[in-house]
């Protein structure tokens, strides 16, 4: 009986950990898509580009401007790339704690 309870709580924790990891991966994917749109020179007036930017900028937290780089493409790559890595690491750690 105790093993059943342990297994049930373990599987719930595992499901929660998967959800947390998935959210982190989604946030990182949004950052990566924004980076690609900027580096590839997408039209900033396009509705899709504006939509992705409206999602990516708040998710970047304090990273934009952390390293001021003169080259705009490199600036976005470094600062938003750090934000993507941040989301993967933080949600990975949280998921590990939940497990």
Protein backbone atom coordinates (compact mmCIF):
# COMPACT_ATOMS: atom_id res chain seq x y z
CA UNK A 1 0.00 0.00 0.00
CA UNK A 2 2.80 2.43 0.86
CA UNK A 3 4.49 1.68 -2.45
CA UNK A 4 1.33 2.59 -4.32
CA UNK A 5 1.16 5.96 -2.59
CA UNK A 6 4.84 6.60 -3.27
CA UNK A 7 4.42 5.70 -6.94
CA UNK A 8 1.30 7.87 -7.30
CA UNK A 9 2.99 10.89 -5.73
CA UNK A 10 6.11 10.24 -7.78
CA UNK A 11 4.15 10.16 -11.04
CA UNK A 12 2.32 13.39 -10.15
CA UNK A 13 5.67 15.04 -9.45
CA UNK A 14 7.01 13.70 -12.71
CA UNK A 15 4.03 15.13 -14.62
CA UNK A 16 4.47 18.50 -12.96
CA UNK A 17 8.18 18.39 -13.76
CA UNK A 18 7.41 17.68 -17.42
CA UNK A 19 5.00 20.62 -17.55
CA UNK A 20 7.57 22.93 -15.95
CA UNK A 21 10.25 21.76 -18.37
CA UNK A 22 7.84 22.24 -21.28
CA UNK A 23 7.05 25.80 -20.22
CA UNK A 24 10.76 26.59 -20.02
CA UNK A 25 11.33 25.08 -23.45
CA UNK A 26 8.44 27.13 -24.88
CA UNK A 27 9.86 30.35 -23.40
CA UNK A 28 13.31 29.52 -24.81
CA UNK A 29 11.78 28.72 -28.21
CA UNK A 30 10.06 32.12 -28.29
CA UNK A 31 13.42 33.77 -27.58
CA UNK A 32 15.14 31.74 -30.30
CA UNK A 33 12.45 32.57 -32.87
CA UNK A 34 12.83 36.27 -32.04
CA UNK A 35 16.62 36.01 -32.39
CA UNK A 36 16.24 34.35 -35.80
CA UNK A 37 13.75 36.96 -36.99
CA UNK A 38 16.10 39.78 -36.03
CA UNK A 39 19.26 38.17 -37.41
CA UNK A 40 17.58 37.20 -40.68
CA UNK A 41 16.25 40.74 -41.09
CA UNK A 42 12.52 40.13 -40.88
CA UNK A 43 10.24 43.10 -41.55
CA UNK A 44 9.65 44.74 -38.13
CA UNK A 45 6.29 46.04 -39.35
CA UNK A 46 4.96 42.53 -39.98
CA UNK A 47 2.23 41.41 -37.56
CA UNK A 48 3.90 38.06 -36.83
CA UNK A 49 7.24 39.69 -36.07
CA UNK A 50 5.50 42.20 -33.79
CA UNK A 51 3.65 39.37 -32.05
CA UNK A 52 6.83 37.37 -31.43
CA UNK A 53 8.61 40.52 -30.23
CA UNK A 54 5.73 41.28 -27.83
CA UNK A 55 6.21 37.82 -26.32
CA UNK A 56 10.02 37.74 -26.36
CA UNK A 57 10.75 41.13 -24.84
CA UNK A 58 9.00 40.56 -21.48
CA UNK A 59 10.40 37.01 -21.29
CA UNK A 60 13.92 38.37 -21.72
CA UNK A 61 13.60 39.89 -18.23
CA UNK A 62 16.72 41.91 -17.39
CA UNK A 63 18.96 40.49 -20.13
CA UNK A 64 18.43 43.08 -22.91
CA UNK A 65 21.08 45.73 -22.39
CA UNK A 66 23.12 43.53 -20.07
CA UNK A 67 25.96 43.50 -22.58
CA UNK A 68 25.86 46.62 -24.77
CA UNK A 69 27.17 45.55 -28.16
CA UNK A 70 27.29 47.96 -31.10
CA UNK A 71 26.21 45.36 -33.69
CA UNK A 72 22.41 45.04 -33.34
CA UNK A 73 22.23 41.43 -34.54
CA UNK A 74 24.99 40.32 -32.20
CA UNK A 75 23.42 42.30 -29.37
CA UNK A 76 20.11 40.47 -29.81
CA UNK A 77 21.87 37.13 -30.19
CA UNK A 78 23.85 37.50 -26.97
CA UNK A 79 21.25 39.12 -24.74
CA UNK A 80 18.16 37.17 -25.85
CA UNK A 81 20.25 34.01 -26.16
CA UNK A 82 21.20 34.38 -22.50
CA UNK A 83 17.51 34.74 -21.67
CA UNK A 84 16.74 31.50 -23.53
CA UNK A 85 19.48 29.65 -21.66
CA UNK A 86 18.26 31.19 -18.40
CA UNK A 87 14.74 29.80 -18.93
CA UNK A 88 16.06 26.33 -19.75
CA UNK A 89 18.35 26.23 -16.72
CA UNK A 90 15.89 27.71 -14.21
CA UNK A 91 12.94 25.58 -15.25
CA UNK A 92 15.21 22.53 -15.37
CA UNK A 93 16.29 23.17 -11.78
CA UNK A 94 12.70 23.75 -10.66
CA UNK A 95 11.58 20.57 -12.41
CA UNK A 96 14.34 18.64 -10.70
CA UNK A 97 13.19 19.96 -7.32
CA UNK A 98 9.60 18.99 -8.08
CA UNK A 99 10.64 15.46 -9.03
